[in-house]
All heavy atoms as atom14 arrays in JSON, in Angstrom:
{
  "sequence": "RACTEHEVPCLGGFCATLPDATQVAVFKSNDTYYAVAQTCPHQRYR",
  "atom14_mask": [
    [1, 1, 1, 1, 1, 1, 1, 1, 1, 1, 1, 0, 0, 0],
    [1, 1, 1, 1, 1, 0, 0, 0, 0, 0, 0, 0, 0, 0],
    [1, 1, 1, 1, 1, 1, 0, 0, 0, 0, 0, 0, 0, 0],
    [1, 1, 1, 1, 1, 1, 1, 0, 0, 0, 0, 0, 0, 0],
    [1, 1, 1, 1, 1, 1, 1, 1, 1, 0, 0, 0, 0, 0],
    [1, 1, 1, 1, 1, 1, 1, 1, 1, 1, 0, 0, 0, 0],
    [1, 1, 1, 1, 1, 1, 1, 1, 1, 0, 0, 0, 0, 0],
    [1, 1, 1, 1, 1, 1, 1, 0, 0, 0, 0, 0, 0, 0],
    [1, 1, 1, 1, 1, 1, 1, 0, 0, 0, 0, 0, 0, 0],
    [1, 1, 1, 1, 1, 1, 0, 0, 0, 0, 0, 0, 0, 0],
    [1, 1, 1, 1, 1, 1, 1, 1, 0, 0, 0, 0, 0, 0],
    [1, 1, 1, 1, 0, 0, 0, 0, 0, 0, 0, 0, 0, 0],
    [1, 1, 1, 1, 0, 0, 0, 0, 0, 0, 0, 0, 0, 0],
    [1, 1, 1, 1, 1, 1, 1, 1, 1, 1, 1, 0, 0, 0],
    [1, 1, 1, 1, 1, 1, 0, 0, 0, 0, 0, 0, 0, 0],
    [1, 1, 1, 1, 1, 0, 0, 0, 0, 0, 0, 0, 0, 0],
    [1, 1, 1, 1, 1, 1, 1, 0, 0, 0, 0, 0, 0, 0],
    [1, 1, 1, 1, 1, 1, 1, 1, 0, 0, 0, 0, 0, 0],
    [1, 1, 1, 1, 1, 1, 1, 0, 0, 0, 0, 0, 0, 0],
    [1, 1, 1, 1, 1, 1, 1, 1, 0, 0, 0, 0, 0, 0],
    [1, 1, 1, 1, 1, 0, 0, 0, 0, 0, 0, 0, 0, 0],
    [1, 1, 1, 1, 1, 1, 1, 0, 0, 0, 0, 0, 0, 0],
    [1, 1, 1, 1, 1, 1, 1, 1, 1, 0, 0, 0, 0, 0],
    [1, 1, 1, 1, 1, 1, 1, 0, 0, 0, 0, 0, 0, 0],
    [1, 1, 1, 1, 1, 0, 0, 0, 0, 0, 0, 0, 0, 0],
    [1, 1, 1, 1, 1, 1, 1, 0, 0, 0, 0, 0, 0, 0],
    [1, 1, 1, 1, 1, 1, 1, 1, 1, 1, 1, 0, 0, 0],
    [1, 1, 1, 1, 1, 1, 1, 1, 1, 0, 0, 0, 0, 0],
    [1, 1, 1, 1, 1, 1, 0, 0, 0, 0, 0, 0, 0, 0],
    [1, 1, 1, 1, 1, 1, 1, 1, 0, 0, 0, 0, 0, 0],
    [1, 1, 1, 1, 1, 1, 1, 1, 0, 0, 0, 0, 0, 0],
    [1, 1, 1, 1, 1, 1, 1, 0, 0, 0, 0, 0, 0, 0],
    [1, 1, 1, 1, 1, 1, 1, 1, 1, 1, 1, 1, 0, 0],
    [1, 1, 1, 1, 1, 1, 1, 1, 1, 1, 1, 1, 0, 0],
    [1, 1, 1, 1, 1, 0, 0, 0, 0, 0, 0, 0, 0, 0],
    [1, 1, 1, 1, 1, 1, 1, 0, 0, 0, 0, 0, 0, 0],
    [1, 1, 1, 1, 1, 0, 0, 0, 0, 0, 0, 0, 0, 0],
    [1, 1, 1, 1, 1, 1, 1, 1, 1, 0, 0, 0, 0, 0],
    [1, 1, 1, 1, 1, 1, 1, 0, 0, 0, 0, 0, 0, 0],
    [1, 1, 1, 1, 1, 1, 0, 0, 0, 0, 0, 0, 0, 0],
    [1, 1, 1, 1, 1, 1, 1, 0, 0, 0, 0, 0, 0, 0],
    [1, 1, 1, 1, 1, 1, 1, 1, 1, 1, 0, 0, 0, 0],
    [1, 1, 1, 1, 1, 1, 1, 1, 1, 0, 0, 0, 0, 0],
    [1, 1, 1, 1, 1, 1, 1, 1, 1, 1, 1, 0, 0, 0],
    [1, 1, 1, 1, 1, 1, 1, 1, 1, 1, 1, 1, 0, 0],
    [1, 1, 1, 1, 1, 1, 1, 1, 1, 1, 1, 0, 0, 0]
  ],
  "atom14_positions": [
    [[-82.48, 194.14, 95.98], [-81.13, 194.47, 96.4], [-81.1, 194.65, 97.92], [-81.89, 195.4, 98.48], [-80.66, 195.75, 95.73], [-79.24, 196.11, 96.05], [-78.89, 197.49, 95.46], [-77.5, 197.79, 95.64], [-76.94, 198.14, 96.81], [-77.68, 198.22, 97.89], [-75.66, 198.4, 96.9], [0.0, 0.0, 0.0], [0.0, 0.0, 0.0], [0.0, 0.0, 0.0]],
    [[-80.19, 193.95, 98.58], [-80.06, 194.05, 100.04], [-78.82, 194.85, 100.43], [-78.88, 195.74, 101.27], [-79.99, 192.66, 100.66], [0.0, 0.0, 0.0], [0.0, 0.0, 0.0], [0.0, 0.0, 0.0], [0.0, 0.0, 0.0], [0.0, 0.0, 0.0], [0.0, 0.0, 0.0], [0.0, 0.0, 0.0], [0.0, 0.0, 0.0], [0.0, 0.0, 0.0]],
    [[-77.68, 194.5, 99.82], [-76.42, 195.15, 100.17], [-75.34, 194.68, 99.21], [-75.61, 193.89, 98.31], [-76.02, 194.81, 101.61], [-75.85, 193.04, 101.95], [0.0, 0.0, 0.0], [0.0, 0.0, 0.0], [0.0, 0.0, 0.0], [0.0, 0.0, 0.0], [0.0, 0.0, 0.0], [0.0, 0.0, 0.0], [0.0, 0.0, 0.0], [0.0, 0.0, 0.0]],
    [[-74.13, 195.12, 99.43], [-72.99, 194.6, 98.67], [-72.27, 193.56, 99.52], [-72.45, 193.52, 100.75], [-72.0, 195.71, 98.29], [-71.41, 196.22, 99.47], [-72.68, 196.82, 97.5], [0.0, 0.0, 0.0], [0.0, 0.0, 0.0], [0.0, 0.0, 0.0], [0.0, 0.0, 0.0], [0.0, 0.0, 0.0], [0.0, 0.0, 0.0], [0.0, 0.0, 0.0]],
    [[-71.46, 192.77, 98.89], [-70.68, 191.77, 99.63], [-69.79, 192.44, 100.68], [-69.59, 191.92, 101.77], [-69.83, 190.94, 98.68], [-70.65, 190.0, 97.81], [-69.79, 189.18, 96.89], [-69.33, 189.73, 95.86], [-69.57, 187.99, 97.21], [0.0, 0.0, 0.0], [0.0, 0.0, 0.0], [0.0, 0.0, 0.0], [0.0, 0.0, 0.0], [0.0, 0.0, 0.0]],
    [[-69.26, 193.62, 100.36], [-68.36, 194.33, 101.28], [-69.07, 194.88, 102.51], [-68.42, 195.16, 103.52], [-67.65, 195.46, 100.54], [-66.79, 194.98, 99.4], [-65.65, 194.25, 99.59], [-66.96, 195.09, 98.07], [-65.12, 193.93, 98.42], [-65.89, 194.43, 97.48], [0.0, 0.0, 0.0], [0.0, 0.0, 0.0], [0.0, 0.0, 0.0], [0.0, 0.0, 0.0]],
    [[-70.38, 195.03, 102.46], [-71.12, 195.56, 103.6], [-71.41, 194.5, 104.66], [-71.79, 194.84, 105.78], [-72.44, 196.18, 103.13], [-72.25, 197.46, 102.35], [-73.54, 198.02, 101.82], [-74.17, 197.37, 100.96], [-73.92, 199.13, 102.27], [0.0, 0.0, 0.0], [0.0, 0.0, 0.0], [0.0, 0.0, 0.0], [0.0, 0.0, 0.0], [0.0, 0.0, 0.0]],
    [[-71.24, 193.23, 104.32], [-71.5, 192.16, 105.29], [-70.24, 191.94, 106.12], [-69.2, 191.57, 105.59], [-71.91, 190.84, 104.57], [-72.17, 189.74, 105.59], [-73.13, 191.07, 103.69], [0.0, 0.0, 0.0], [0.0, 0.0, 0.0], [0.0, 0.0, 0.0], [0.0, 0.0, 0.0], [0.0, 0.0, 0.0], [0.0, 0.0, 0.0], [0.0, 0.0, 0.0]],
    [[-70.32, 192.2, 107.43], [-69.12, 192.05, 108.27], [-68.65, 190.6, 108.37], [-69.43, 189.66, 108.14], [-69.57, 192.57, 109.64], [-71.03, 192.76, 109.59], [-71.48, 192.64, 108.17], [0.0, 0.0, 0.0], [0.0, 0.0, 0.0], [0.0, 0.0, 0.0], [0.0, 0.0, 0.0], [0.0, 0.0, 0.0], [0.0, 0.0, 0.0], [0.0, 0.0, 0.0]],
    [[-67.41, 190.43, 108.72], [-66.83, 189.08, 108.84], [-67.52, 188.25, 109.92], [-67.75, 187.07, 109.74], [-65.34, 189.17, 109.15], [-64.38, 189.89, 107.81], [0.0, 0.0, 0.0], [0.0, 0.0, 0.0], [0.0, 0.0, 0.0], [0.0, 0.0, 0.0], [0.0, 0.0, 0.0], [0.0, 0.0, 0.0], [0.0, 0.0, 0.0], [0.0, 0.0, 0.0]],
    [[-67.82, 188.85, 111.06], [-68.4, 188.1, 112.17], [-69.91, 188.25, 112.3], [-70.59, 187.34, 112.73], [-67.74, 188.52, 113.5], [-66.27, 188.2, 113.64], [-65.73, 188.76, 114.96], [-66.04, 186.7, 113.56], [0.0, 0.0, 0.0], [0.0, 0.0, 0.0], [0.0, 0.0, 0.0], [0.0, 0.0, 0.0], [0.0, 0.0, 0.0], [0.0, 0.0, 0.0]],
    [[-70.44, 189.38, 111.99], [-71.86, 189.65, 112.2], [-72.62, 189.72, 110.9], [-72.22, 189.17, 109.89], [0.0, 0.0, 0.0], [0.0, 0.0, 0.0], [0.0, 0.0, 0.0], [0.0, 0.0, 0.0], [0.0, 0.0, 0.0], [0.0, 0.0, 0.0], [0.0, 0.0, 0.0], [0.0, 0.0, 0.0], [0.0, 0.0, 0.0], [0.0, 0.0, 0.0]],
    [[-73.77, 190.4, 110.96], [-74.62, 190.5, 109.8], [-74.9, 191.93, 109.41], [-74.5, 192.87, 110.09], [0.0, 0.0, 0.0], [0.0, 0.0, 0.0], [0.0, 0.0, 0.0], [0.0, 0.0, 0.0], [0.0, 0.0, 0.0], [0.0, 0.0, 0.0], [0.0, 0.0, 0.0], [0.0, 0.0, 0.0], [0.0, 0.0, 0.0], [0.0, 0.0, 0.0]],
    [[-75.59, 192.09, 108.29], [-75.99, 193.39, 107.79], [-77.51, 193.44, 107.76], [-78.15, 192.51, 107.26], [-75.44, 193.6, 106.38], [-75.81, 194.92, 105.79], [-75.04, 196.04, 106.02], [-76.95, 195.05, 105.0], [-75.38, 197.28, 105.48], [-77.3, 196.27, 104.46], [-76.52, 197.39, 104.69], [0.0, 0.0, 0.0], [0.0, 0.0, 0.0], [0.0, 0.0, 0.0]],
    [[-78.11, 194.49, 108.29], [-79.56, 194.63, 108.3], [-80.0, 195.36, 107.03], [-79.55, 196.47, 106.77], [-80.01, 195.4, 109.54], [-81.81, 195.63, 109.6], [0.0, 0.0, 0.0], [0.0, 0.0, 0.0], [0.0, 0.0, 0.0], [0.0, 0.0, 0.0], [0.0, 0.0, 0.0], [0.0, 0.0, 0.0], [0.0, 0.0, 0.0], [0.0, 0.0, 0.0]],
    [[-80.86, 194.71, 106.26], [-81.39, 195.3, 105.03], [-82.91, 195.36, 105.11], [-83.54, 194.52, 105.76], [-80.96, 194.46, 103.82], [0.0, 0.0, 0.0], [0.0, 0.0, 0.0], [0.0, 0.0, 0.0], [0.0, 0.0, 0.0], [0.0, 0.0, 0.0], [0.0, 0.0, 0.0], [0.0, 0.0, 0.0], [0.0, 0.0, 0.0], [0.0, 0.0, 0.0]],
    [[-83.5, 196.34, 104.44], [-84.95, 196.47, 104.39], [-85.41, 196.23, 102.96], [-84.95, 196.89, 102.03], [-85.38, 197.87, 104.86], [-84.89, 198.08, 106.19], [-86.9, 197.98, 104.88], [0.0, 0.0, 0.0], [0.0, 0.0, 0.0], [0.0, 0.0, 0.0], [0.0, 0.0, 0.0], [0.0, 0.0, 0.0], [0.0, 0.0, 0.0], [0.0, 0.0, 0.0]],
    [[-86.34, 195.27, 102.8], [-86.89, 194.95, 101.49], [-88.0, 195.94, 101.14], [-88.49, 196.67, 102.01], [-87.42, 193.52, 101.49], [-86.4, 192.44, 101.86], [-87.04, 191.06, 101.8], [-85.18, 192.51, 100.96], [0.0, 0.0, 0.0], [0.0, 0.0, 0.0], [0.0, 0.0, 0.0], [0.0, 0.0, 0.0], [0.0, 0.0, 0.0], [0.0, 0.0, 0.0]],
    [[-88.43, 195.99, 99.88], [-89.46, 196.96, 99.47], [-90.77, 196.86, 100.24], [-91.48, 197.86, 100.35], [-89.68, 196.63, 97.99], [-88.39, 196.05, 97.55], [-87.88, 195.26, 98.73], [0.0, 0.0, 0.0], [0.0, 0.0, 0.0], [0.0, 0.0, 0.0], [0.0, 0.0, 0.0], [0.0, 0.0, 0.0], [0.0, 0.0, 0.0], [0.0, 0.0, 0.0]],
    [[-91.1, 195.7, 100.79], [-92.35, 195.57, 101.54], [-92.16, 195.88, 103.03], [-93.01, 195.58, 103.84], [-92.96, 194.18, 101.36], [-92.15, 193.08, 102.02], [-91.02, 193.35, 102.48], [-92.64, 191.95, 102.07], [0.0, 0.0, 0.0], [0.0, 0.0, 0.0], [0.0, 0.0, 0.0], [0.0, 0.0, 0.0], [0.0, 0.0, 0.0], [0.0, 0.0, 0.0]],
    [[-91.04, 196.49, 103.39], [-90.68, 196.89, 104.75], [-90.17, 195.73, 105.62], [-89.87, 195.93, 106.79], [-91.81, 197.61, 105.46], [0.0, 0.0, 0.0], [0.0, 0.0, 0.0], [0.0, 0.0, 0.0], [0.0, 0.0, 0.0], [0.0, 0.0, 0.0], [0.0, 0.0, 0.0], [0.0, 0.0, 0.0], [0.0, 0.0, 0.0], [0.0, 0.0, 0.0]],
    [[-90.03, 194.53, 105.07], [-89.45, 193.42, 105.79], [-87.97, 193.68, 106.02], [-87.26, 194.06, 105.1], [-89.61, 192.1, 105.0], [-90.99, 191.83, 104.82], [-88.93, 190.93, 105.69], [0.0, 0.0, 0.0], [0.0, 0.0, 0.0], [0.0, 0.0, 0.0], [0.0, 0.0, 0.0], [0.0, 0.0, 0.0], [0.0, 0.0, 0.0], [0.0, 0.0, 0.0]],
    [[-87.52, 193.49, 107.25], [-86.1, 193.61, 107.55], [-85.48, 192.23, 107.6], [-86.04, 191.31, 108.21], [-85.88, 194.33, 108.88], [-86.21, 195.8, 108.83], [-85.84, 196.5, 110.12], [-85.79, 195.89, 111.19], [-85.55, 197.78, 110.03], [0.0, 0.0, 0.0], [0.0, 0.0, 0.0], [0.0, 0.0, 0.0], [0.0, 0.0, 0.0], [0.0, 0.0, 0.0]],
    [[-84.33, 192.09, 106.94], [-83.6, 190.83, 106.95], [-82.17, 191.07, 107.4], [-81.65, 192.18, 107.24], [-83.61, 190.14, 105.55], [-85.01, 189.77, 105.13], [-82.94, 191.01, 104.51], [0.0, 0.0, 0.0], [0.0, 0.0, 0.0], [0.0, 0.0, 0.0], [0.0, 0.0, 0.0], [0.0, 0.0, 0.0], [0.0, 0.0, 0.0], [0.0, 0.0, 0.0]],
    [[-81.57, 190.05, 107.97], [-80.17, 190.09, 108.36], [-79.4, 189.2, 107.39], [-79.76, 188.04, 107.2], [-79.99, 189.6, 109.79], [0.0, 0.0, 0.0], [0.0, 0.0, 0.0], [0.0, 0.0, 0.0], [0.0, 0.0, 0.0], [0.0, 0.0, 0.0], [0.0, 0.0, 0.0], [0.0, 0.0, 0.0], [0.0, 0.0, 0.0], [0.0, 0.0, 0.0]],
    [[-78.38, 189.74, 106.76], [-77.57, 189.01, 105.77], [-76.24, 188.65, 106.42], [-75.58, 189.5, 107.01], [-77.34, 189.87, 104.51], [-76.5, 189.1, 103.49], [-78.68, 190.3, 103.9], [0.0, 0.0, 0.0], [0.0, 0.0, 0.0], [0.0, 0.0, 0.0], [0.0, 0.0, 0.0], [0.0, 0.0, 0.0], [0.0, 0.0, 0.0], [0.0, 0.0, 0.0]],
    [[-75.86, 187.37, 106.29], [-74.63, 186.85, 106.88], [-73.8, 186.13, 105.83], [-74.33, 185.66, 104.82], [-74.94, 185.84, 107.99], [-75.67, 186.42, 109.15], [-77.06, 186.4, 109.19], [-74.98, 186.99, 110.2], [-77.74, 186.94, 110.27], [-75.65, 187.53, 111.29], [-77.03, 187.5, 111.32], [0.0, 0.0, 0.0], [0.0, 0.0, 0.0], [0.0, 0.0, 0.0]],
    [[-72.51, 185.98, 106.13], [-71.63, 185.16, 105.31], [-71.01, 184.1, 106.2], [-70.51, 184.4, 107.29], [-70.53, 185.99, 104.67], [-69.62, 185.18, 103.76], [-68.58, 186.05, 103.11], [-67.7, 185.23, 102.17], [-66.66, 186.06, 101.57], [0.0, 0.0, 0.0], [0.0, 0.0, 0.0], [0.0, 0.0, 0.0], [0.0, 0.0, 0.0], [0.0, 0.0, 0.0]],
    [[-71.06, 182.85, 105.74], [-70.44, 181.75, 106.47], [-69.89, 180.76, 105.45], [-70.62, 180.32, 104.56], [-71.47, 181.06, 107.37], [-70.88, 179.99, 108.07], [0.0, 0.0, 0.0], [0.0, 0.0, 0.0], [0.0, 0.0, 0.0], [0.0, 0.0, 0.0], [0.0, 0.0, 0.0], [0.0, 0.0, 0.0], [0.0, 0.0, 0.0], [0.0, 0.0, 0.0]],
    [[-68.63, 180.43, 105.58], [-67.98, 179.48, 104.66], [-68.21, 179.86, 103.2], [-68.6, 179.05, 102.37], [-68.46, 178.05, 104.91], [-68.11, 177.57, 106.29], [-67.05, 177.89, 106.81], [-69.01, 176.82, 106.9], [0.0, 0.0, 0.0], [0.0, 0.0, 0.0], [0.0, 0.0, 0.0], [0.0, 0.0, 0.0], [0.0, 0.0, 0.0], [0.0, 0.0, 0.0]],
    [[-67.99, 181.13, 102.87], [-68.11, 181.66, 101.51], [-69.52, 181.58, 100.93], [-69.71, 181.67, 99.72], [-67.12, 180.96, 100.56], [-65.68, 181.27, 100.94], [-65.42, 182.41, 101.38], [-64.82, 180.38, 100.79], [0.0, 0.0, 0.0], [0.0, 0.0, 0.0], [0.0, 0.0, 0.0], [0.0, 0.0, 0.0], [0.0, 0.0, 0.0], [0.0, 0.0, 0.0]],
    [[-70.52, 181.4, 101.76], [-71.92, 181.37, 101.32], [-72.67, 182.46, 102.08], [-72.45, 182.66, 103.27], [-72.56, 180.0, 101.62], [-71.81, 178.99, 100.94], [-74.0, 179.95, 101.15], [0.0, 0.0, 0.0], [0.0, 0.0, 0.0], [0.0, 0.0, 0.0], [0.0, 0.0, 0.0], [0.0, 0.0, 0.0], [0.0, 0.0, 0.0], [0.0, 0.0, 0.0]],
    [[-73.56, 183.14, 101.36], [-74.39, 184.18, 101.99], [-75.74, 183.6, 102.37], [-76.29, 182.75, 101.68], [-74.56, 185.36, 101.04], [-73.29, 186.14, 100.87], [-72.44, 185.89, 99.79], [-72.9, 187.11, 101.79], [-71.25, 186.58, 99.64], [-71.72, 187.8, 101.66], [-70.9, 187.53, 100.58], [-69.72, 188.21, 100.44], [0.0, 0.0, 0.0], [0.0, 0.0, 0.0]],
    [[-76.27, 184.1, 103.49], [-77.57, 183.67, 104.0], [-78.36, 184.91, 104.41], [-77.78, 185.91, 104.82], [-77.4, 182.79, 105.24], [-76.62, 181.53, 105.0], [-75.25, 181.49, 105.17], [-77.27, 180.36, 104.58], [-74.53, 180.33, 104.94], [-76.56, 179.2, 104.36], [-75.19, 179.19, 104.52], [-74.49, 178.03, 104.3], [0.0, 0.0, 0.0], [0.0, 0.0, 0.0]],
    [[-79.68, 184.82, 104.35], [-80.54, 185.89, 104.84], [-81.62, 185.28, 105.72], [-82.23, 184.27, 105.36], [-81.17, 186.66, 103.7], [0.0, 0.0, 0.0], [0.0, 0.0, 0.0], [0.0, 0.0, 0.0], [0.0, 0.0, 0.0], [0.0, 0.0, 0.0], [0.0, 0.0, 0.0], [0.0, 0.0, 0.0], [0.0, 0.0, 0.0], [0.0, 0.0, 0.0]],
    [[-81.81, 185.88, 106.89], [-82.85, 185.44, 107.83], [-83.63, 186.67, 108.27], [-83.18, 187.81, 108.09], [-82.25, 184.72, 109.06], [-81.46, 183.49, 108.66], [-81.4, 185.66, 109.89], [0.0, 0.0, 0.0], [0.0, 0.0, 0.0], [0.0, 0.0, 0.0], [0.0, 0.0, 0.0], [0.0, 0.0, 0.0], [0.0, 0.0, 0.0], [0.0, 0.0, 0.0]],
    [[-84.78, 186.44, 108.86], [-85.57, 187.55, 109.39], [-84.76, 188.31, 110.43], [-84.0, 187.72, 111.2], [-86.86, 187.03, 110.0], [0.0, 0.0, 0.0], [0.0, 0.0, 0.0], [0.0, 0.0, 0.0], [0.0, 0.0, 0.0], [0.0, 0.0, 0.0], [0.0, 0.0, 0.0], [0.0, 0.0, 0.0], [0.0, 0.0, 0.0], [0.0, 0.0, 0.0]],
    [[-84.93, 189.61, 110.46], [-84.23, 190.46, 111.43], [-84.81, 190.3, 112.83], [-84.16, 190.59, 113.82], [-84.32, 191.92, 110.95], [-83.87, 192.96, 111.93], [-82.37, 192.96, 112.22], [-81.63, 192.05, 111.89], [-81.92, 193.99, 112.9], [0.0, 0.0, 0.0], [0.0, 0.0, 0.0], [0.0, 0.0, 0.0], [0.0, 0.0, 0.0], [0.0, 0.0, 0.0]],
    [[-86.03, 189.77, 112.93], [-86.72, 189.66, 114.22], [-86.61, 188.24, 114.77], [-87.01, 187.28, 114.12], [-88.21, 190.03, 114.06], [-88.29, 191.34, 113.49], [-88.93, 190.01, 115.38], [0.0, 0.0, 0.0], [0.0, 0.0, 0.0], [0.0, 0.0, 0.0], [0.0, 0.0, 0.0], [0.0, 0.0, 0.0], [0.0, 0.0, 0.0], [0.0, 0.0, 0.0]],
    [[-86.1, 188.12, 115.98], [-86.02, 186.81, 116.64], [-87.43, 186.37, 117.02], [-88.2, 187.16, 117.59], [-85.14, 186.91, 117.89], [-85.0, 185.33, 118.77], [0.0, 0.0, 0.0], [0.0, 0.0, 0.0], [0.0, 0.0, 0.0], [0.0, 0.0, 0.0], [0.0, 0.0, 0.0], [0.0, 0.0, 0.0], [0.0, 0.0, 0.0], [0.0, 0.0, 0.0]],
    [[-87.8, 185.12, 116.76], [-89.15, 184.66, 117.08], [-89.42, 184.5, 118.58], [-90.56, 184.39, 118.99], [-89.26, 183.32, 116.37], [-87.86, 182.84, 116.23], [-87.02, 184.08, 116.09], [0.0, 0.0, 0.0], [0.0, 0.0, 0.0], [0.0, 0.0, 0.0], [0.0, 0.0, 0.0], [0.0, 0.0, 0.0], [0.0, 0.0, 0.0], [0.0, 0.0, 0.0]],
    [[-88.37, 184.51, 119.41], [-88.54, 184.3, 120.84], [-89.34, 185.44, 121.48], [-90.44, 185.21, 121.99], [-87.17, 184.15, 121.5], [-87.21, 184.06, 122.98], [-86.3, 184.68, 123.79], [-88.06, 183.43, 123.82], [-86.58, 184.44, 125.06], [-87.65, 183.68, 125.11], [0.0, 0.0, 0.0], [0.0, 0.0, 0.0], [0.0, 0.0, 0.0], [0.0, 0.0, 0.0]],
    [[-88.8, 186.65, 121.46], [-89.51, 187.78, 122.06], [-89.61, 188.96, 121.11], [-89.8, 190.09, 121.54], [-88.86, 188.18, 123.38], [-89.08, 187.14, 124.46], [-88.65, 187.64, 125.84], [-88.07, 188.7, 126.0], [-88.96, 186.84, 126.83], [0.0, 0.0, 0.0], [0.0, 0.0, 0.0], [0.0, 0.0, 0.0], [0.0, 0.0, 0.0], [0.0, 0.0, 0.0]],
    [[-89.46, 188.69, 119.82], [-89.68, 189.66, 118.75], [-88.71, 190.85, 118.75], [-89.05, 191.93, 118.28], [-91.13, 190.16, 118.75], [-92.19, 189.1, 118.87], [-92.39, 188.22, 117.69], [-92.77, 188.97, 116.5], [-92.62, 188.48, 115.27], [-92.14, 187.29, 115.1], [-92.98, 189.19, 114.24], [0.0, 0.0, 0.0], [0.0, 0.0, 0.0], [0.0, 0.0, 0.0]],
    [[-87.5, 190.66, 119.27], [-86.5, 191.72, 119.19], [-85.91, 191.75, 117.79], [-85.61, 190.7, 117.22], [-85.37, 191.5, 120.21], [-85.78, 191.72, 121.64], [-85.92, 190.65, 122.52], [-86.03, 193.01, 122.11], [-86.29, 190.86, 123.83], [-86.41, 193.21, 123.43], [-86.53, 192.14, 124.28], [-86.9, 192.35, 125.58], [0.0, 0.0, 0.0], [0.0, 0.0, 0.0]],
    [[-85.7, 192.94, 117.25], [-85.12, 193.1, 115.91], [-83.6, 193.31, 116.04], [-83.11, 194.42, 115.86], [-85.76, 194.28, 115.2], [-87.2, 194.02, 114.87], [-87.8, 195.16, 114.1], [-89.21, 194.85, 113.85], [-90.03, 195.64, 113.23], [-89.61, 196.8, 112.78], [-91.28, 195.29, 113.04], [0.0, 0.0, 0.0], [0.0, 0.0, 0.0], [0.0, 0.0, 0.0]]
  ]
}
């Protein structure tokens, strides 16, 4: 479980923490939900 549909903002994302401590960002675009790593691979900012 990451979040509810209502917790995902219209423009931005929602930060969720999985049981193994992985943080993911959940987004909605065109009525589809997506999850990506919370950490940018460029300079590792969360």
